[in-house]
């Protein structure tokens, strides 16, 4: 093996090692993780203006998660429609309309727990930030279920069954 080949091999090994090490570096892109804790399956469909993840069934304890790059205009918005038994909800799970100013959705990576009494959000970058956000709607209304077709900036539905 010549000196050039040896140098090339060492550079290739170093580059591969650096690439595998960089994968372990914390991903600071915004993200969402939603976990089902209702005790049975839920149907969930999450979307943004440009992305629709399609309907999914999450069993108890199952989750779905994604990361994304917020747009430069500060208008990235993700929401989910969730159905469980005879309940439904339309939940804004990430919003950066005021993200860059420190207002708006209070997390970079928002972790959501769906529970029998409603929806809880935790900001992973903030200790002890678990917050009850909203309850369920009973019975489901077509107005809430049509939310994926066109998002209306209305306040989340309050109340629901406890």
N, C-alpha and C. Protein backbone atom coordinates (compact mmCIF):
# COMPACT_ATOMS: atom_id res chain seq x y z
N UNK A 1 0.86 -1.18 0.00
CA UNK A 1 0.00 0.00 0.00
C UNK A 1 0.90 1.23 0.00
N UNK A 2 0.61 2.12 -0.94
CA UNK A 2 1.41 3.34 -1.06
C UNK A 2 1.00 4.38 -0.03
N UNK A 3 1.86 5.38 0.09
CA UNK A 3 1.61 6.46 1.05
C UNK A 3 0.29 7.18 0.74
N UNK A 4 -0.01 7.45 -0.52
CA UNK A 4 -1.28 8.11 -0.89
C UNK A 4 -2.48 7.27 -0.45
N UNK A 5 -2.41 5.98 -0.71
CA UNK A 5 -3.53 5.11 -0.34
C UNK A 5 -3.71 5.07 1.17
N UNK A 6 -2.61 5.03 1.90
CA UNK A 6 -2.68 5.03 3.36
C UNK A 6 -3.30 6.32 3.87
N UNK A 7 -2.87 7.45 3.34
CA UNK A 7 -3.43 8.75 3.76
C UNK A 7 -4.91 8.80 3.42
N UNK A 8 -5.28 8.38 2.20
CA UNK A 8 -6.68 8.37 1.80
C UNK A 8 -7.52 7.51 2.74
N UNK A 9 -7.01 6.31 3.09
CA UNK A 9 -7.74 5.42 3.99
C UNK A 9 -7.90 6.05 5.37
N UNK A 10 -6.85 6.70 5.88
CA UNK A 10 -6.94 7.34 7.19
C UNK A 10 -7.93 8.51 7.17
N UNK A 11 -7.92 9.28 6.10
CA UNK A 11 -8.88 10.38 5.97
C UNK A 11 -10.30 9.83 5.89
N UNK A 12 -10.50 8.75 5.14
CA UNK A 12 -11.83 8.14 5.03
C UNK A 12 -12.30 7.61 6.37
N UNK A 13 -11.42 6.98 7.12
CA UNK A 13 -11.79 6.46 8.45
C UNK A 13 -12.13 7.62 9.38
N UNK A 14 -11.32 8.67 9.35
CA UNK A 14 -11.59 9.84 10.20
C UNK A 14 -12.92 10.49 9.84
N UNK A 15 -13.20 10.61 8.54
CA UNK A 15 -14.46 11.22 8.11
C UNK A 15 -15.64 10.36 8.55
N UNK A 16 -15.53 9.05 8.41
CA UNK A 16 -16.61 8.14 8.82
C UNK A 16 -16.83 8.24 10.32
N UNK A 17 -15.74 8.29 11.09
CA UNK A 17 -15.85 8.41 12.54
C UNK A 17 -16.51 9.72 12.93
N UNK A 18 -16.12 10.81 12.29
CA UNK A 18 -16.73 12.11 12.60
C UNK A 18 -18.21 12.12 12.23
N UNK A 19 -18.58 11.48 11.12
CA UNK A 19 -19.99 11.45 10.72
C UNK A 19 -20.80 10.64 11.71
N UNK A 20 -20.27 9.50 12.18
CA UNK A 20 -21.03 8.70 13.13
C UNK A 20 -21.09 9.39 14.48
N UNK A 21 -20.05 10.15 14.85
CA UNK A 21 -20.08 10.89 16.11
C UNK A 21 -21.06 12.05 16.02
N UNK A 22 -21.14 12.70 14.86
CA UNK A 22 -22.05 13.84 14.74
C UNK A 22 -23.50 13.40 14.81
N UNK A 23 -23.78 12.14 14.49
CA UNK A 23 -25.15 11.64 14.61
C UNK A 23 -25.59 11.61 16.07
N UNK A 24 -24.62 11.51 16.98
CA UNK A 24 -24.94 11.48 18.41
C UNK A 24 -25.15 12.87 18.97
N UNK A 25 -24.79 13.90 18.21
CA UNK A 25 -24.98 15.27 18.67
C UNK A 25 -26.47 15.56 18.76
N UNK A 26 -26.86 16.32 19.75
CA UNK A 26 -28.27 16.64 19.97
C UNK A 26 -28.84 17.36 18.76
N UNK A 27 -30.02 16.94 18.35
CA UNK A 27 -30.72 17.57 17.23
C UNK A 27 -31.53 18.74 17.78
N UNK A 28 -31.15 19.96 17.42
CA UNK A 28 -31.82 21.14 17.95
C UNK A 28 -32.98 21.63 17.09
N UNK A 29 -33.33 20.87 16.04
CA UNK A 29 -34.47 21.27 15.24
C UNK A 29 -35.74 21.12 16.07
N UNK A 30 -36.75 21.94 15.81
CA UNK A 30 -38.02 21.78 16.52
C UNK A 30 -38.61 20.40 16.27
N UNK A 31 -39.44 19.95 17.18
CA UNK A 31 -40.05 18.65 17.01
C UNK A 31 -41.27 18.47 17.89
N UNK A 32 -41.97 17.37 17.62
CA UNK A 32 -43.19 17.01 18.34
C UNK A 32 -43.16 15.51 18.60
N UNK A 33 -43.56 15.12 19.79
CA UNK A 33 -43.76 13.71 20.13
C UNK A 33 -45.10 13.61 20.83
N UNK A 34 -45.94 12.70 20.37
CA UNK A 34 -47.28 12.52 20.93
C UNK A 34 -47.41 11.08 21.39
N UNK A 35 -47.78 10.88 22.67
CA UNK A 35 -47.90 9.54 23.23
C UNK A 35 -49.32 9.32 23.74
N UNK A 36 -49.86 8.16 23.40
CA UNK A 36 -51.21 7.78 23.81
C UNK A 36 -51.18 7.13 25.20
N UNK A 37 -51.92 7.71 26.15
CA UNK A 37 -52.04 7.18 27.51
C UNK A 37 -53.50 7.02 27.91
N UNK A 38 -54.41 6.80 26.95
CA UNK A 38 -55.83 6.75 27.29
C UNK A 38 -56.29 5.36 27.72
N UNK A 39 -55.46 4.33 27.54
CA UNK A 39 -55.85 2.98 27.94
C UNK A 39 -56.38 2.14 26.80
N UNK A 40 -56.46 2.69 25.62
CA UNK A 40 -56.92 1.98 24.43
C UNK A 40 -56.45 2.70 23.19
N UNK A 41 -56.84 2.20 22.02
CA UNK A 41 -56.37 2.83 20.79
C UNK A 41 -57.04 4.17 20.50
N UNK A 42 -56.29 5.05 19.85
CA UNK A 42 -56.82 6.32 19.36
C UNK A 42 -56.55 6.39 17.86
N UNK A 43 -57.32 7.21 17.16
CA UNK A 43 -57.04 7.52 15.77
C UNK A 43 -56.55 8.96 15.75
N UNK A 44 -55.42 9.18 15.10
CA UNK A 44 -54.83 10.50 15.09
C UNK A 44 -54.39 10.84 13.67
N UNK A 45 -54.60 12.09 13.28
CA UNK A 45 -54.12 12.57 11.99
C UNK A 45 -53.51 13.94 12.22
N UNK A 46 -52.20 14.04 11.97
CA UNK A 46 -51.48 15.29 12.18
C UNK A 46 -51.05 15.85 10.84
N UNK A 47 -50.98 17.17 10.77
CA UNK A 47 -50.65 17.82 9.51
C UNK A 47 -50.15 19.23 9.74
N UNK A 48 -49.59 19.79 8.68
CA UNK A 48 -49.27 21.20 8.58
C UNK A 48 -49.82 21.65 7.24
N UNK A 49 -49.56 22.87 6.87
CA UNK A 49 -50.03 23.36 5.57
C UNK A 49 -49.45 22.51 4.43
N UNK A 50 -48.19 22.09 4.58
CA UNK A 50 -47.50 21.37 3.52
C UNK A 50 -47.40 19.87 3.71
N UNK A 51 -47.62 19.38 4.92
CA UNK A 51 -47.40 17.96 5.23
C UNK A 51 -48.62 17.39 5.92
N UNK A 52 -49.07 16.23 5.44
CA UNK A 52 -50.15 15.50 6.10
C UNK A 52 -49.62 14.10 6.36
N UNK A 53 -49.51 13.73 7.64
CA UNK A 53 -48.98 12.42 8.00
C UNK A 53 -49.99 11.30 7.79
N UNK A 54 -51.23 11.66 7.48
CA UNK A 54 -52.27 10.65 7.26
C UNK A 54 -52.77 10.08 8.57
N UNK A 55 -53.94 9.43 8.53
CA UNK A 55 -54.50 8.88 9.76
C UNK A 55 -53.68 7.68 10.26
N UNK A 56 -53.55 7.59 11.56
CA UNK A 56 -52.82 6.49 12.20
C UNK A 56 -53.60 6.04 13.41
N UNK A 57 -53.45 4.79 13.75
CA UNK A 57 -54.01 4.26 14.99
C UNK A 57 -52.84 4.02 15.92
N UNK A 58 -52.90 4.66 17.09
CA UNK A 58 -51.88 4.46 18.12
C UNK A 58 -52.47 3.67 19.26
N UNK A 59 -51.88 2.55 19.58
CA UNK A 59 -52.30 1.78 20.74
C UNK A 59 -51.85 2.47 22.02
N UNK A 60 -52.37 2.01 23.14
CA UNK A 60 -51.98 2.60 24.42
C UNK A 60 -50.47 2.47 24.61
N UNK A 61 -49.81 3.56 24.93
CA UNK A 61 -48.37 3.58 25.12
C UNK A 61 -47.59 3.85 23.84
N UNK A 62 -48.24 3.77 22.68
CA UNK A 62 -47.57 4.06 21.41
C UNK A 62 -47.42 5.56 21.21
N UNK A 63 -46.45 5.93 20.38
CA UNK A 63 -46.27 7.35 20.10
C UNK A 63 -45.91 7.57 18.64
N UNK A 64 -46.01 8.81 18.23
CA UNK A 64 -45.50 9.25 16.93
C UNK A 64 -44.70 10.51 17.18
N UNK A 65 -43.64 10.69 16.39
CA UNK A 65 -42.77 11.84 16.59
C UNK A 65 -42.19 12.28 15.26
N UNK A 66 -41.91 13.56 15.17
CA UNK A 66 -41.24 14.08 13.98
C UNK A 66 -40.47 15.34 14.34
N UNK A 67 -39.46 15.61 13.55
CA UNK A 67 -38.68 16.85 13.64
C UNK A 67 -38.82 17.57 12.32
N UNK A 68 -38.57 18.86 12.32
CA UNK A 68 -38.77 19.65 11.12
C UNK A 68 -37.93 20.91 11.22
N UNK A 69 -37.83 21.61 10.13
CA UNK A 69 -37.17 22.92 10.11
C UNK A 69 -38.25 23.98 10.00
N UNK A 70 -38.28 24.86 10.97
CA UNK A 70 -39.27 25.94 10.93
C UNK A 70 -38.94 26.87 9.77
N UNK A 71 -39.97 27.41 9.14
CA UNK A 71 -39.71 28.30 8.01
C UNK A 71 -39.23 29.67 8.50
N UNK A 72 -38.65 30.41 7.59
CA UNK A 72 -38.07 31.72 7.94
C UNK A 72 -39.12 32.77 8.28
N UNK A 73 -40.37 32.57 7.87
CA UNK A 73 -41.42 33.55 8.10
C UNK A 73 -42.04 33.41 9.47
N UNK A 74 -41.66 32.38 10.22
CA UNK A 74 -42.21 32.18 11.56
C UNK A 74 -43.67 31.77 11.54
N UNK A 75 -44.07 31.01 10.53
CA UNK A 75 -45.47 30.62 10.43
C UNK A 75 -45.67 29.11 10.42
N UNK A 76 -44.67 28.34 10.82
CA UNK A 76 -44.81 26.89 10.86
C UNK A 76 -45.85 26.52 11.91
N UNK A 77 -46.76 25.65 11.52
CA UNK A 77 -47.88 25.27 12.38
C UNK A 77 -48.21 23.80 12.13
N UNK A 78 -48.27 23.01 13.19
CA UNK A 78 -48.71 21.61 13.11
C UNK A 78 -49.90 21.42 14.03
N UNK A 79 -50.88 20.67 13.59
CA UNK A 79 -52.05 20.37 14.39
C UNK A 79 -52.41 18.91 14.20
N UNK A 80 -53.23 18.40 15.11
CA UNK A 80 -53.68 17.01 15.04
C UNK A 80 -55.17 16.94 15.35
N UNK A 81 -55.86 16.07 14.64
CA UNK A 81 -57.22 15.69 14.99
C UNK A 81 -57.13 14.31 15.62
N UNK A 82 -57.76 14.16 16.78
CA UNK A 82 -57.66 12.92 17.54
C UNK A 82 -59.06 12.43 17.88
N UNK A 83 -59.30 11.14 17.67
CA UNK A 83 -60.57 10.51 18.03
C UNK A 83 -60.29 9.36 18.99
N UNK A 84 -61.10 9.30 20.05
CA UNK A 84 -61.00 8.21 21.02
C UNK A 84 -62.40 7.94 21.54
N UNK A 85 -62.86 6.72 21.38
CA UNK A 85 -64.21 6.34 21.74
C UNK A 85 -65.19 7.36 21.15
N UNK A 86 -66.00 8.01 21.93
CA UNK A 86 -66.94 9.01 21.41
C UNK A 86 -66.45 10.43 21.62
N UNK A 87 -65.13 10.59 21.73
CA UNK A 87 -64.55 11.90 21.96
C UNK A 87 -63.68 12.29 20.77
N UNK A 88 -63.50 13.58 20.61
CA UNK A 88 -62.63 14.09 19.54
C UNK A 88 -61.94 15.35 20.04
N UNK A 89 -60.87 15.71 19.36
CA UNK A 89 -60.17 16.95 19.70
C UNK A 89 -59.37 17.43 18.49
N UNK A 90 -59.24 18.72 18.40
CA UNK A 90 -58.39 19.38 17.41
C UNK A 90 -57.36 20.15 18.22
N UNK A 91 -56.08 19.76 18.12
CA UNK A 91 -55.06 20.31 18.99
C UNK A 91 -53.92 20.89 18.16
N UNK A 92 -53.55 22.13 18.43
CA UNK A 92 -52.35 22.72 17.83
C UNK A 92 -51.18 22.18 18.63
N UNK A 93 -50.31 21.39 17.98
CA UNK A 93 -49.21 20.75 18.70
C UNK A 93 -47.88 21.47 18.55
N UNK A 94 -47.77 22.36 17.56
CA UNK A 94 -46.57 23.20 17.44
C UNK A 94 -46.90 24.42 16.60
N UNK A 95 -46.51 25.57 17.11
CA UNK A 95 -46.80 26.83 16.41
C UNK A 95 -45.63 27.77 16.64
N UNK A 96 -45.08 28.32 15.57
CA UNK A 96 -43.98 29.25 15.78
C UNK A 96 -44.31 30.64 15.28
N UNK A 97 -45.56 31.00 15.24
CA UNK A 97 -45.93 32.35 14.80
C UNK A 97 -45.17 33.39 15.61
N UNK A 98 -44.95 33.09 16.89
CA UNK A 98 -44.20 34.00 17.75
C UNK A 98 -42.98 33.31 18.35
N UNK A 99 -42.59 32.17 17.75
CA UNK A 99 -41.50 31.36 18.30
C UNK A 99 -40.21 32.16 18.44
N UNK A 100 -39.82 32.91 17.42
CA UNK A 100 -38.54 33.59 17.44
C UNK A 100 -38.52 34.72 18.47
N UNK A 101 -39.66 35.25 18.83
CA UNK A 101 -39.68 36.31 19.84
C UNK A 101 -39.80 35.74 21.24
N UNK A 102 -39.92 34.42 21.35
CA UNK A 102 -40.03 33.79 22.66
C UNK A 102 -41.46 33.69 23.14
N UNK A 103 -42.42 34.09 22.31
CA UNK A 103 -43.82 33.99 22.66
C UNK A 103 -44.43 32.82 21.90
N UNK A 104 -45.71 32.63 22.00
CA UNK A 104 -46.34 31.54 21.25
C UNK A 104 -46.13 30.20 21.94
N UNK A 105 -46.01 29.12 21.14
CA UNK A 105 -45.83 27.78 21.68
C UNK A 105 -44.58 27.76 22.56
N UNK A 106 -44.73 27.39 23.81
CA UNK A 106 -43.60 27.53 24.74
C UNK A 106 -42.63 26.35 24.74
N UNK A 107 -42.29 25.83 23.58
CA UNK A 107 -41.31 24.75 23.55
C UNK A 107 -40.68 24.65 22.17
N UNK A 108 -39.46 24.13 22.15
CA UNK A 108 -38.81 23.83 20.89
C UNK A 108 -39.16 22.40 20.51
N UNK A 109 -39.02 21.48 21.46
CA UNK A 109 -39.47 20.10 21.26
C UNK A 109 -40.64 19.89 22.21
N UNK A 110 -41.83 19.79 21.64
CA UNK A 110 -43.06 19.66 22.45
C UNK A 110 -43.43 18.19 22.57
N UNK A 111 -43.50 17.72 23.78
CA UNK A 111 -43.91 16.34 24.03
C UNK A 111 -45.33 16.37 24.59
N UNK A 112 -46.22 15.64 23.92
CA UNK A 112 -47.64 15.63 24.28
C UNK A 112 -48.03 14.27 24.86
N UNK A 113 -48.82 14.30 25.93
CA UNK A 113 -49.43 13.10 26.51
C UNK A 113 -50.92 13.22 26.33
N UNK A 114 -51.51 12.23 25.65
CA UNK A 114 -52.96 12.19 25.49
C UNK A 114 -53.50 11.27 26.57
N UNK A 115 -54.32 11.83 27.45
CA UNK A 115 -54.84 11.09 28.60
C UNK A 115 -56.36 11.11 28.58
N UNK A 116 -57.01 10.28 29.41
CA UNK A 116 -58.47 10.22 29.40
C UNK A 116 -59.16 11.56 29.63
N UNK A 117 -58.51 12.48 30.35
CA UNK A 117 -59.15 13.78 30.61
C UNK A 117 -58.68 14.88 29.65
N UNK A 118 -57.72 14.58 28.76
CA UNK A 118 -57.30 15.60 27.81
C UNK A 118 -55.85 15.54 27.41
N UNK A 119 -55.32 16.70 27.05
CA UNK A 119 -54.02 16.82 26.41
C UNK A 119 -53.06 17.63 27.26
N UNK A 120 -51.89 17.05 27.52
CA UNK A 120 -50.85 17.69 28.33
C UNK A 120 -49.62 17.91 27.47
N UNK A 121 -48.99 19.08 27.61
CA UNK A 121 -47.79 19.41 26.85
C UNK A 121 -46.63 19.61 27.82
N UNK A 122 -45.47 19.06 27.43
CA UNK A 122 -44.24 19.26 28.19
C UNK A 122 -43.19 19.82 27.24
N UNK A 123 -42.52 20.86 27.65
CA UNK A 123 -41.40 21.41 26.89
C UNK A 123 -40.15 20.71 27.41
N UNK A 124 -39.52 19.90 26.58
CA UNK A 124 -38.37 19.12 27.04
C UNK A 124 -37.21 20.00 27.47
N UNK A 125 -37.13 21.21 26.94
CA UNK A 125 -36.02 22.09 27.31
C UNK A 125 -36.30 22.88 28.60
N UNK A 126 -37.47 22.67 29.19
CA UNK A 126 -37.81 23.36 30.43
C UNK A 126 -38.20 22.33 31.49
N UNK A 127 -37.57 22.40 32.64
CA UNK A 127 -37.88 21.46 33.71
C UNK A 127 -39.28 21.74 34.27
N UNK A 128 -39.99 20.70 34.63
CA UNK A 128 -41.31 20.81 35.27
C UNK A 128 -42.28 21.71 34.50
N UNK A 129 -42.35 21.53 33.20
CA UNK A 129 -43.21 22.42 32.41
C UNK A 129 -44.49 21.72 31.92
N UNK A 130 -44.85 20.58 32.51
CA UNK A 130 -46.04 19.86 32.06
C UNK A 130 -47.28 20.71 32.32
N UNK A 131 -48.07 20.92 31.25
CA UNK A 131 -49.22 21.80 31.33
C UNK A 131 -50.43 21.14 30.70
N UNK A 132 -51.57 21.21 31.40
CA UNK A 132 -52.83 20.77 30.79
C UNK A 132 -53.23 21.82 29.77
N UNK A 133 -53.50 21.38 28.52
CA UNK A 133 -53.80 22.32 27.46
C UNK A 133 -55.28 22.36 27.13
N UNK A 134 -55.90 21.19 26.96
CA UNK A 134 -57.32 21.17 26.64
C UNK A 134 -57.90 19.79 26.88
N UNK A 135 -59.23 19.75 26.98
CA UNK A 135 -59.95 18.50 27.14
C UNK A 135 -60.50 18.00 25.81
N UNK A 136 -61.32 16.97 25.91
CA UNK A 136 -61.96 16.37 24.74
C UNK A 136 -63.30 17.04 24.46
N UNK A 137 -63.78 16.87 23.22
CA UNK A 137 -65.12 17.30 22.85
C UNK A 137 -65.97 16.04 22.76
N UNK A 138 -67.18 16.08 23.31
CA UNK A 138 -68.08 14.94 23.25
C UNK A 138 -69.47 15.44 22.95
N UNK A 139 -70.17 14.92 21.97
CA UNK A 139 -69.70 13.97 20.96
C UNK A 139 -68.91 14.70 19.88
N UNK A 140 -68.23 13.94 19.00
CA UNK A 140 -67.44 14.58 17.93
C UNK A 140 -68.31 15.47 17.05
N UNK A 141 -67.74 16.57 16.60
CA UNK A 141 -68.46 17.45 15.69
C UNK A 141 -67.73 17.51 14.36
N UNK A 142 -68.45 17.63 13.27
CA UNK A 142 -67.83 17.67 11.96
C UNK A 142 -66.96 18.92 11.81
N UNK A 143 -67.29 19.99 12.55
CA UNK A 143 -66.50 21.21 12.47
C UNK A 143 -65.06 20.96 12.92
N UNK A 144 -64.89 20.18 14.00
CA UNK A 144 -63.56 19.86 14.50
C UNK A 144 -62.87 18.92 13.52
N UNK A 145 -63.58 17.89 13.02
CA UNK A 145 -62.96 16.92 12.13
C UNK A 145 -62.57 17.50 10.79
N UNK A 146 -63.19 18.60 10.36
CA UNK A 146 -62.83 19.24 9.10
C UNK A 146 -61.60 20.13 9.23
N UNK A 147 -61.03 20.21 10.43
CA UNK A 147 -59.92 21.11 10.68
C UNK A 147 -58.70 20.85 9.83
N UNK A 148 -58.48 19.60 9.39
CA UNK A 148 -57.31 19.32 8.58
C UNK A 148 -57.44 19.90 7.19
N UNK A 149 -58.67 20.10 6.72
CA UNK A 149 -58.85 20.63 5.37
C UNK A 149 -58.41 22.08 5.30
N UNK A 150 -58.77 22.84 6.31
CA UNK A 150 -58.36 24.24 6.35
C UNK A 150 -58.29 24.65 7.81
N UNK A 151 -57.13 25.00 8.27
CA UNK A 151 -56.96 25.36 9.67
C UNK A 151 -57.50 26.76 9.91
N UNK A 152 -58.34 26.87 10.92
CA UNK A 152 -58.89 28.16 11.32
C UNK A 152 -58.22 28.56 12.63
N UNK A 153 -57.76 29.78 12.72
CA UNK A 153 -57.10 30.23 13.94
C UNK A 153 -58.13 30.57 15.00
N UNK A 154 -58.76 29.54 15.50
CA UNK A 154 -59.73 29.69 16.59
C UNK A 154 -59.07 29.14 17.84
N UNK A 155 -59.50 29.60 18.99
CA UNK A 155 -58.90 29.05 20.22
C UNK A 155 -59.27 27.58 20.35
N UNK A 156 -58.39 26.78 20.99
CA UNK A 156 -58.70 25.37 21.20
C UNK A 156 -60.00 25.20 21.96
N UNK A 157 -60.67 24.10 21.74
CA UNK A 157 -61.92 23.81 22.42
C UNK A 157 -61.63 23.54 23.89
N UNK A 158 -62.33 24.22 24.76
CA UNK A 158 -62.14 24.03 26.19
C UNK A 158 -63.19 23.07 26.73
N UNK A 159 -62.89 22.50 27.88
CA UNK A 159 -63.87 21.65 28.55
C UNK A 159 -63.74 20.21 28.12
N UNK A 160 -64.87 19.51 28.10
CA UNK A 160 -64.85 18.07 27.76
C UNK A 160 -65.11 17.27 29.01
N UNK A 161 -65.12 15.96 28.84
CA UNK A 161 -65.36 15.06 29.98
C UNK A 161 -64.12 14.97 30.85
N UNK A 162 -64.33 14.90 32.12
CA UNK A 162 -63.22 14.71 33.06
C UNK A 162 -63.12 13.25 33.41
